[in-house]
PDB file of N, CA and C in Angstrom:
ATOM      1  N   MET A   1      14.179  -0.268  -1.587  1.00  0.00           N
ATOM      2  CA  MET A   1      13.836   0.063  -0.186  1.00  0.00           C
ATOM      3  C   MET A   1      13.658  -1.273   0.543  1.00  0.00           C
ATOM      4  N   HIS A   2      14.408  -1.530   1.579  1.00  0.00           N
ATOM      5  CA  HIS A   2      14.323  -2.729   2.377  1.00  0.00           C
ATOM      6  C   HIS A   2      13.661  -2.291   3.691  1.00  0.00           C
ATOM      7  N   THR A   3      12.433  -2.779   3.949  1.00  0.00           N
ATOM      8  CA  THR A   3      11.663  -2.473   5.229  1.00  0.00           C
ATOM      9  C   THR A   3      11.225  -3.720   5.642  1.00  0.00           C
ATOM     10  N   ILE A   4      10.960  -3.761   7.040  1.00  0.00           N
ATOM     11  CA  ILE A   4      10.264  -4.900   7.585  1.00  0.00           C
ATOM     12  C   ILE A   4       8.784  -4.801   7.402  1.00  0.00           C
ATOM     13  N   ILE A   5       8.270  -5.777   6.741  1.00  0.00           N
ATOM     14  CA  ILE A   5       6.759  -5.809   6.562  1.00  0.00           C
ATOM     15  C   ILE A   5       6.138  -6.699   7.602  1.00  0.00           C
ATOM     16  N   PRO A   6       5.154  -6.072   8.299  1.00  0.00           N
ATOM     17  CA  PRO A   6       4.431  -6.761   9.260  1.00  0.00           C
ATOM     18  C   PRO A   6       3.618  -7.854   8.663  1.00  0.00           C
ATOM     19  N   PRO A   7       3.517  -8.957   9.376  1.00  0.00           N
ATOM     20  CA  PRO A   7       2.478 -10.135   8.772  1.00  0.00           C
ATOM     21  C   PRO A   7       1.203  -9.652   8.796  1.00  0.00           C
ATOM     22  N   ILE A   8       0.328 -10.108   7.866  1.00  0.00           N
ATOM     23  CA  ILE A   8      -1.086  -9.928   7.822  1.00  0.00           C
ATOM     24  C   ILE A   8      -1.698 -10.769   8.928  1.00  0.00           C
ATOM     25  N   THR A   9      -2.394 -10.198   9.831  1.00  0.00           N
ATOM     26  CA  THR A   9      -3.133 -11.025  10.865  1.00  0.00           C
ATOM     27  C   THR A   9      -4.364 -11.443  10.486  1.00  0.00           C
ATOM     28  N   GLY A  10      -4.792 -12.530  10.922  1.00  0.00           N
ATOM     29  CA  GLY A  10      -6.195 -13.103  10.636  1.00  0.00           C
ATOM     30  C   GLY A  10      -7.038 -13.185  11.928  1.00  0.00           C
ATOM     31  N   ILE A  11      -6.601 -12.470  12.964  1.00  0.00           N
ATOM     32  CA  ILE A  11      -7.299 -12.630  14.253  1.00  0.00           C
ATOM     33  C   ILE A  11      -8.727 -11.789  14.011  1.00  0.00           C
ATOM     34  N   HIS A  12      -9.757 -12.349  14.668  1.00  0.00           N
ATOM     35  CA  HIS A  12     -11.063 -11.611  14.580  1.00  0.00           C
ATOM     36  C   HIS A  12     -10.902 -10.316  15.076  1.00  0.00           C
ATOM     37  N   ARG A  13     -11.675  -9.398  14.454  1.00  0.00           N
ATOM     38  CA  ARG A  13     -11.780  -8.055  14.688  1.00  0.00           C
ATOM     39  C   ARG A  13     -10.649  -7.190  14.221  1.00  0.00           C
ATOM     40  N   THR A  14      -9.633  -7.785  13.484  1.00  0.00           N
ATOM     41  CA  THR A  14      -8.546  -6.948  13.035  1.00  0.00           C
ATOM     42  C   THR A  14      -9.076  -6.415  11.627  1.00  0.00           C
ATOM     43  N   PRO A  15      -8.508  -5.355  11.095  1.00  0.00           N
ATOM     44  CA  PRO A  15      -8.892  -4.779   9.766  1.00  0.00           C
ATOM     45  C   PRO A  15      -8.625  -6.051   8.709  1.00  0.00           C
ATOM     46  N   PRO A  16      -9.382  -5.929   7.665  1.00  0.00           N
ATOM     47  CA  PRO A  16      -9.109  -7.025   6.546  1.00  0.00           C
ATOM     48  C   PRO A  16      -7.752  -6.662   5.945  1.00  0.00           C
ATOM     49  N   PRO A  17      -7.127  -7.744   5.437  1.00  0.00           N
ATOM     50  CA  PRO A  17      -5.783  -7.767   4.937  1.00  0.00           C
ATOM     51  C   PRO A  17      -5.520  -6.580   3.962  1.00  0.00           C
ATOM     52  N   TYR A  18      -6.455  -6.249   3.062  1.00  0.00           N
ATOM     53  CA  TYR A  18      -6.160  -5.039   2.148  1.00  0.00           C
ATOM     54  C   TYR A  18      -6.013  -3.779   2.968  1.00  0.00           C
ATOM     55  N   MET A  19      -6.784  -3.676   4.037  1.00  0.00           N
ATOM     56  CA  MET A  19      -6.709  -2.505   4.883  1.00  0.00           C
ATOM     57  C   MET A  19      -5.384  -2.415   5.641  1.00  0.00           C
ATOM     58  N   GLN A  20      -4.829  -3.566   6.092  1.00  0.00           N
ATOM     59  CA  GLN A  20      -3.633  -3.668   6.763  1.00  0.00           C
ATOM     60  C   GLN A  20      -2.497  -3.111   5.868  1.00  0.00           C
ATOM     61  N   ILE A  21      -2.553  -3.627   4.650  1.00  0.00           N
ATOM     62  CA  ILE A  21      -1.487  -3.173   3.620  1.00  0.00           C
ATOM     63  C   ILE A  21      -1.683  -1.615   3.376  1.00  0.00           C
ATOM     64  N   ALA A  22      -2.913  -1.284   3.144  1.00  0.00           N
ATOM     65  CA  ALA A  22      -3.144   0.259   2.973  1.00  0.00           C
ATOM     66  C   ALA A  22      -2.648   1.128   4.053  1.00  0.00           C
ATOM     67  N   ASP A  23      -2.966   0.533   5.312  1.00  0.00           N
ATOM     68  CA  ASP A  23      -2.577   1.236   6.568  1.00  0.00           C
ATOM     69  C   ASP A  23      -1.012   1.352   6.635  1.00  0.00           C
ATOM     70  N   TYR A  24      -0.333   0.354   6.284  1.00  0.00           N
ATOM     71  CA  TYR A  24       1.164   0.309   6.250  1.00  0.00           C
ATOM     72  C   TYR A  24       1.679   1.426   5.334  1.00  0.00           C
ATOM     73  N   TYR A  25       1.249   1.458   4.073  1.00  0.00           N
ATOM     74  CA  TYR A  25       1.792   2.412   3.239  1.00  0.00           C
ATOM     75  C   TYR A  25       1.218   3.812   3.563  1.00  0.00           C
ATOM     76  N   ARG A  26       0.046   3.942   4.170  1.00  0.00           N
ATOM     77  CA  ARG A  26      -0.503   5.246   4.498  1.00  0.00           C
ATOM     78  C   ARG A  26       0.419   5.810   5.602  1.00  0.00           C
ATOM     79  N   GLU A  27       0.907   4.988   6.472  1.00  0.00           N
ATOM     80  CA  GLU A  27       1.742   5.367   7.588  1.00  0.00           C
ATOM     81  C   GLU A  27       3.166   5.845   7.036  1.00  0.00           C
ATOM     82  N   LEU A  28       3.735   5.119   6.045  1.00  0.00           N
ATOM     83  CA  LEU A  28       4.938   5.526   5.410  1.00  0.00           C
ATOM     84  C   LEU A  28       4.824   6.877   4.699  1.00  0.00           C
ATOM     85  N   ILE A  29       3.701   7.087   4.063  1.00  0.00           N
ATOM     86  CA  ILE A  29       3.513   8.364   3.448  1.00  0.00           C
ATOM     87  C   ILE A  29       3.427   9.490   4.514  1.00  0.00           C
ATOM     88  N   SER A  30       2.529   9.267   5.466  1.00  0.00           N
ATOM     89  CA  SER A  30       2.303  10.281   6.465  1.00  0.00           C
ATOM     90  C   SER A  30       3.602  10.760   7.215  1.00  0.00           C
ATOM     91  N   THR A  31       4.538   9.783   7.369  1.00  0.00           N
ATOM     92  CA  THR A  31       5.751  10.120   8.192  1.00  0.00           C
ATOM     93  C   THR A  31       6.902  10.603   7.292  1.00  0.00           C
ATOM     94  N   GLY A  32       6.593  10.579   5.943  1.00  0.00           N
ATOM     95  CA  GLY A  32       7.648  11.068   5.041  1.00  0.00           C
ATOM     96  C   GLY A  32       8.607  10.027   4.577  1.00  0.00           C
ATOM     97  N   ALA A  33       8.497   8.683   5.063  1.00  0.00           N
ATOM     98  CA  ALA A  33       9.401   7.710   4.587  1.00  0.00           C
ATOM     99  C   ALA A  33       9.135   7.453   3.143  1.00  0.00           C
ATOM    100  N   LEU A  34       7.899   7.619   2.674  1.00  0.00           N
ATOM    101  CA  LEU A  34       7.595   7.729   1.273  1.00  0.00           C
ATOM    102  C   LEU A  34       7.099   9.097   0.854  1.00  0.00           C
ATOM    103  N   ARG A  35       7.734   9.661  -0.195  1.00  0.00           N
ATOM    104  CA  ARG A  35       7.507  11.094  -0.526  1.00  0.00           C
ATOM    105  C   ARG A  35       6.889  11.187  -1.906  1.00  0.00           C
ATOM    106  N   ASP A  36       6.304  12.351  -2.222  1.00  0.00           N
ATOM    107  CA  ASP A  36       5.712  12.718  -3.506  1.00  0.00           C
ATOM    108  C   ASP A  36       6.727  12.095  -4.559  1.00  0.00           C
ATOM    109  N   GLY A  37       6.003  11.247  -5.546  1.00  0.00           N
ATOM    110  CA  GLY A  37       6.815  10.796  -6.608  1.00  0.00           C
ATOM    111  C   GLY A  37       7.385   9.494  -6.322  1.00  0.00           C
ATOM    112  N   ASP A  38       7.605   8.937  -5.103  1.00  0.00           N
ATOM    113  CA  ASP A  38       8.076   7.630  -4.904  1.00  0.00           C
ATOM    114  C   ASP A  38       7.202   6.537  -5.422  1.00  0.00           C
ATOM    115  N   ARG A  39       7.885   5.590  -5.937  1.00  0.00           N
ATOM    116  CA  ARG A  39       7.080   4.371  -6.485  1.00  0.00           C
ATOM    117  C   ARG A  39       6.672   3.373  -5.497  1.00  0.00           C
ATOM    118  N   LEU A  40       5.557   2.824  -5.501  1.00  0.00           N
ATOM    119  CA  LEU A  40       5.050   1.809  -4.730  1.00  0.00           C
ATOM    120  C   LEU A  40       5.424   0.510  -5.396  1.00  0.00           C
ATOM    121  N   PRO A  41       5.514  -0.651  -4.696  1.00  0.00           N
ATOM    122  CA  PRO A  41       5.617  -1.943  -5.375  1.00  0.00           C
ATOM    123  C   PRO A  41       4.471  -2.253  -6.365  1.00  0.00           C
ATOM    124  N   THR A  42       4.683  -3.121  -7.364  1.00  0.00           N
ATOM    125  CA  THR A  42       3.616  -3.528  -8.148  1.00  0.00           C
ATOM    126  C   THR A  42       2.733  -4.444  -7.394  1.00  0.00           C
ATOM    127  N   VAL A  43       1.527  -4.683  -7.994  1.00  0.00           N
ATOM    128  CA  VAL A  43       0.527  -5.567  -7.350  1.00  0.00           C
ATOM    129  C   VAL A  43       1.136  -6.972  -7.124  1.00  0.00           C
ATOM    130  N   ALA A  44       1.862  -7.485  -8.110  1.00  0.00           N
ATOM    131  CA  ALA A  44       2.485  -8.814  -7.954  1.00  0.00           C
ATOM    132  C   ALA A  44       3.588  -8.733  -6.795  1.00  0.00           C
ATOM    133  N   ASP A  45       4.313  -7.614  -6.720  1.00  0.00           N
ATOM    134  CA  ASP A  45       5.430  -7.585  -5.719  1.00  0.00           C
ATOM    135  C   ASP A  45       4.657  -7.396  -4.286  1.00  0.00           C
ATOM    136  N   LEU A  46       3.612  -6.645  -4.260  1.00  0.00           N
ATOM    137  CA  LEU A  46       2.883  -6.622  -2.919  1.00  0.00           C
ATOM    138  C   LEU A  46       2.305  -7.881  -2.610  1.00  0.00           C
ATOM    139  N   ALA A  47       1.730  -8.665  -3.511  1.00  0.00           N
ATOM    140  CA  ALA A  47       1.153  -9.970  -3.167  1.00  0.00           C
ATOM    141  C   ALA A  47       2.227 -10.897  -2.647  1.00  0.00           C
ATOM    142  N   GLU A  48       3.334 -10.902  -3.276  1.00  0.00           N
ATOM    143  CA  GLU A  48       4.377 -11.781  -2.857  1.00  0.00           C
ATOM    144  C   GLU A  48       5.042 -11.387  -1.487  1.00  0.00           C
ATOM    145  N   THR A  49       5.246 -10.137  -1.348  1.00  0.00           N
ATOM    146  CA  THR A  49       5.794  -9.565  -0.097  1.00  0.00           C
ATOM    147  C   THR A  49       4.781  -9.812   1.134  1.00  0.00           C
ATOM    148  N   TRP A  50       3.489  -9.549   0.878  1.00  0.00           N
ATOM    149  CA  TRP A  50       2.603  -9.661   1.937  1.00  0.00           C
ATOM    150  C   TRP A  50       1.901 -11.014   2.051  1.00  0.00           C
ATOM    151  N   LYS A  51       2.273 -11.944   1.257  1.00  0.00           N
ATOM    152  CA  LYS A  51       1.812 -13.218   1.159  1.00  0.00           C
ATOM    153  C   LYS A  51       0.272 -13.174   1.105  1.00  0.00           C
ATOM    154  N   CYS A  52      -0.250 -12.507   0.152  1.00  0.00           N
ATOM    155  CA  CYS A  52      -1.695 -12.295  -0.100  1.00  0.00           C
ATOM    156  C   CYS A  52      -1.986 -12.540  -1.608  1.00  0.00           C
ATOM    157  N   SER A  53      -3.265 -12.570  -1.942  1.00  0.00           N
ATOM    158  CA  SER A  53      -3.601 -12.628  -3.373  1.00  0.00           C
ATOM    159  C   SER A  53      -3.433 -11.336  -4.042  1.00  0.00           C
ATOM    160  N   PRO A  54      -3.190 -11.396  -5.445  1.00  0.00           N
ATOM    161  CA  PRO A  54      -3.080 -10.212  -6.195  1.00  0.00           C
ATOM    162  C   PRO A  54      -4.401  -9.307  -6.045  1.00  0.00           C
ATOM    163  N   GLY A  55      -5.533  -9.986  -5.787  1.00  0.00           N
ATOM    164  CA  GLY A  55      -6.700  -9.170  -5.675  1.00  0.00           C
ATOM    165  C   GLY A  55      -6.614  -8.389  -4.385  1.00  0.00           C
ATOM    166  N   THR A  56      -6.108  -8.885  -3.329  1.00  0.00           N
ATOM    167  CA  THR A  56      -5.997  -8.174  -2.075  1.00  0.00           C
ATOM    168  C   THR A  56      -4.996  -7.071  -2.219  1.00  0.00           C
ATOM    169  N   ALA A  57      -3.962  -7.375  -2.889  1.00  0.00           N
ATOM    170  CA  ALA A  57      -2.992  -6.236  -3.017  1.00  0.00           C
ATOM    171  C   ALA A  57      -3.536  -5.139  -3.926  1.00  0.00           C
ATOM    172  N   HIS A  58      -4.227  -5.556  -4.971  1.00  0.00           N
ATOM    173  CA  HIS A  58      -4.879  -4.457  -5.852  1.00  0.00           C
ATOM    174  C   HIS A  58      -5.936  -3.619  -5.070  1.00  0.00           C
ATOM    175  N   LYS A  59      -6.664  -4.321  -4.180  1.00  0.00           N
ATOM    176  CA  LYS A  59      -7.748  -3.552  -3.432  1.00  0.00           C
ATOM    177  C   LYS A  59      -7.007  -2.595  -2.397  1.00  0.00           C
ATOM    178  N   ALA A  60      -5.782  -2.959  -1.921  1.00  0.00           N
ATOM    179  CA  ALA A  60      -5.052  -2.017  -1.062  1.00  0.00           C
ATOM    180  C   ALA A  60      -4.640  -0.781  -1.909  1.00  0.00           C
ATOM    181  N   LEU A  61      -4.195  -0.894  -3.118  1.00  0.00           N
ATOM    182  CA  LEU A  61      -3.870   0.166  -3.873  1.00  0.00           C
ATOM    183  C   LEU A  61      -4.959   0.976  -4.336  1.00  0.00           C
ATOM    184  N   ARG A  62      -6.097   0.415  -4.572  1.00  0.00           N
ATOM    185  CA  ARG A  62      -7.392   1.064  -4.856  1.00  0.00           C
ATOM    186  C   ARG A  62      -7.733   1.950  -3.706  1.00  0.00           C
ATOM    187  N   GLN A  63      -7.601   1.418  -2.447  1.00  0.00           N
ATOM    188  CA  GLN A  63      -7.978   2.191  -1.252  1.00  0.00           C
ATOM    189  C   GLN A  63      -7.082   3.429  -1.080  1.00  0.00           C
ATOM    190  N   LEU A  64      -5.821   3.249  -1.307  1.00  0.00           N
ATOM    191  CA  LEU A  64      -4.921   4.452  -1.281  1.00  0.00           C
ATOM    192  C   LEU A  64      -5.191   5.486  -2.352  1.00  0.00           C
ATOM    193  N   ARG A  65      -5.527   4.982  -3.557  1.00  0.00           N
ATOM    194  CA  ARG A  65      -6.018   5.892  -4.679  1.00  0.00           C
ATOM    195  C   ARG A  65      -7.240   6.525  -4.376  1.00  0.00           C
ATOM    196  N   ALA A  66      -8.176   5.886  -3.754  1.00  0.00           N
ATOM    197  CA  ALA A  66      -9.433   6.476  -3.404  1.00  0.00           C
ATOM    198  C   ALA A  66      -9.256   7.677  -2.276  1.00  0.00           C
ATOM    199  N   GLU A  67      -8.265   7.478  -1.482  1.00  0.00           N
ATOM    200  CA  GLU A  67      -7.853   8.504  -0.421  1.00  0.00           C
ATOM    201  C   GLU A  67      -6.962   9.503  -1.096  1.00  0.00           C
ATOM    202  N   ARG A  68      -6.704   9.430  -2.375  1.00  0.00           N
ATOM    203  CA  ARG A  68      -5.820  10.416  -3.070  1.00  0.00           C
ATOM    204  C   ARG A  68      -4.459  10.506  -2.642  1.00  0.00           C
ATOM    205  N   LEU A  69      -3.911   9.377  -2.059  1.00  0.00           N
ATOM    206  CA  LEU A  69      -2.575   9.357  -1.643  1.00  0.00           C
ATOM    207  C   LEU A  69      -1.605   8.829  -2.737  1.00  0.00           C
ATOM    208  N   ILE A  70      -2.156   8.195  -3.602  1.00  0.00           N
ATOM    209  CA  ILE A  70      -1.267   7.664  -4.783  1.00  0.00           C
ATOM    210  C   ILE A  70      -1.958   7.955  -6.134  1.00  0.00           C
ATOM    211  N   ASN A  71      -1.051   7.968  -7.176  1.00  0.00           N
ATOM    212  CA  ASN A  71      -1.580   7.989  -8.501  1.00  0.00           C
ATOM    213  C   ASN A  71      -1.155   6.613  -9.185  1.00  0.00           C
ATOM    214  N   THR A  72      -2.069   6.103  -9.960  1.00  0.00           N
ATOM    215  CA  THR A  72      -1.680   4.874 -10.634  1.00  0.00           C
ATOM    216  C   THR A  72      -1.760   5.119 -12.195  1.00  0.00           C
ATOM    217  N   ARG A  73      -0.776   4.679 -12.794  1.00  0.00           N
ATOM    218  CA  ARG A  73      -0.619   4.740 -14.316  1.00  0.00           C
ATOM    219  C   ARG A  73      -0.231   3.389 -14.833  1.00  0.00           C
ATOM    220  N   ARG A  74       0.042   3.371 -16.130  1.00  0.00           N
ATOM    221  CA  ARG A  74       0.537   2.051 -16.676  1.00  0.00           C
ATOM    222  C   ARG A  74       1.771   1.718 -16.102  1.00  0.00           C
ATOM    223  N   GLN A  75       2.598   2.693 -15.790  1.00  0.00           N
ATOM    224  CA  GLN A  75       4.006   2.489 -15.283  1.00  0.00           C
ATOM    225  C   GLN A  75       3.992   2.068 -13.830  1.00  0.00           C
ATOM    226  N   GLY A  76       2.903   2.138 -13.125  1.00  0.00           N
ATOM    227  CA  GLY A  76       2.817   1.850 -11.718  1.00  0.00           C
ATOM    228  C   GLY A  76       2.221   2.919 -10.904  1.00  0.00           C
ATOM    229  N   SER A  77       2.329   2.724  -9.643  1.00  0.00           N
ATOM    230  CA  SER A  77       1.745   3.688  -8.678  1.00  0.00           C
ATOM    231  C   SER A  77       2.859   4.476  -8.032  1.00  0.00           C
ATOM    232  N   THR A  78       2.615   5.801  -7.905  1.00  0.00           N
ATOM    233  CA  THR A  78       3.489   6.773  -7.199  1.00  0.00           C
ATOM    234  C   THR A  78       2.723   7.470  -6.118  1.00  0.00           C
ATOM    235  N   VAL A  79       3.452   7.948  -5.104  1.00  0.00           N
ATOM    236  CA  VAL A  79       2.937   8.643  -3.983  1.00  0.00           C
ATOM    237  C   VAL A  79       2.550  10.064  -4.426  1.00  0.00           C
ATOM    238  N   ARG A  80       1.301  10.559  -4.019  1.00  0.00           N
ATOM    239  CA  ARG A  80       0.856  11.906  -4.149  1.00  0.00           C
ATOM    240  C   ARG A  80       1.155  12.692  -2.987  1.00  0.00           C
ATOM    241  N   GLY A  81       1.160  12.057  -1.771  1.00  0.00           N
ATOM    242  CA  GLY A  81       1.437  12.877  -0.543  1.00  0.00           C
ATOM    243  C   GLY A  81       0.107  13.419   0.001  1.00  0.00           C
ATOM    244  N   TRP A  82       0.339  13.860   1.291  1.00  0.00           N
ATOM    245  CA  TRP A  82      -0.925  14.388   1.929  1.00  0.00           C
ATOM    246  C   TRP A  82      -1.449  15.701   1.339  1.00  0.00           C
ATOM    247  N   ALA A  83      -0.561  16.566   0.842  1.00  0.00           N
ATOM    248  CA  ALA A  83      -1.061  17.839   0.395  1.00  0.00           C
ATOM    249  C   ALA A  83      -1.551  17.835  -0.999  1.00  0.00           C
ATOM    250  N   ALA A  84      -1.635  16.752  -1.697  1.00  0.00           N
ATOM    251  CA  ALA A  84      -2.129  16.661  -3.025  1.00  0.00           C
ATOM    252  C   ALA A  84      -3.563  16.840  -3.163  1.00  0.00           C
TER     253      ALA A  84
END
């Protein structure tokens, strides 16, 4: 999947970088661009794409998992969708 990734902004009062990443994938899930069972990028791929640390990328995935939008297993993260 080739999509345009918005840059993480560092302007005061913007959401922290992990939340900007989570917001981006939450939007893809809510609009149906990502559907149940679709795979998300790995932590390493997210960090490279978003130009952030692996810790920030991991925190974004943790946020989506806490919202029950994704499942994470050894094989990676997949979308659960809104109805899960």
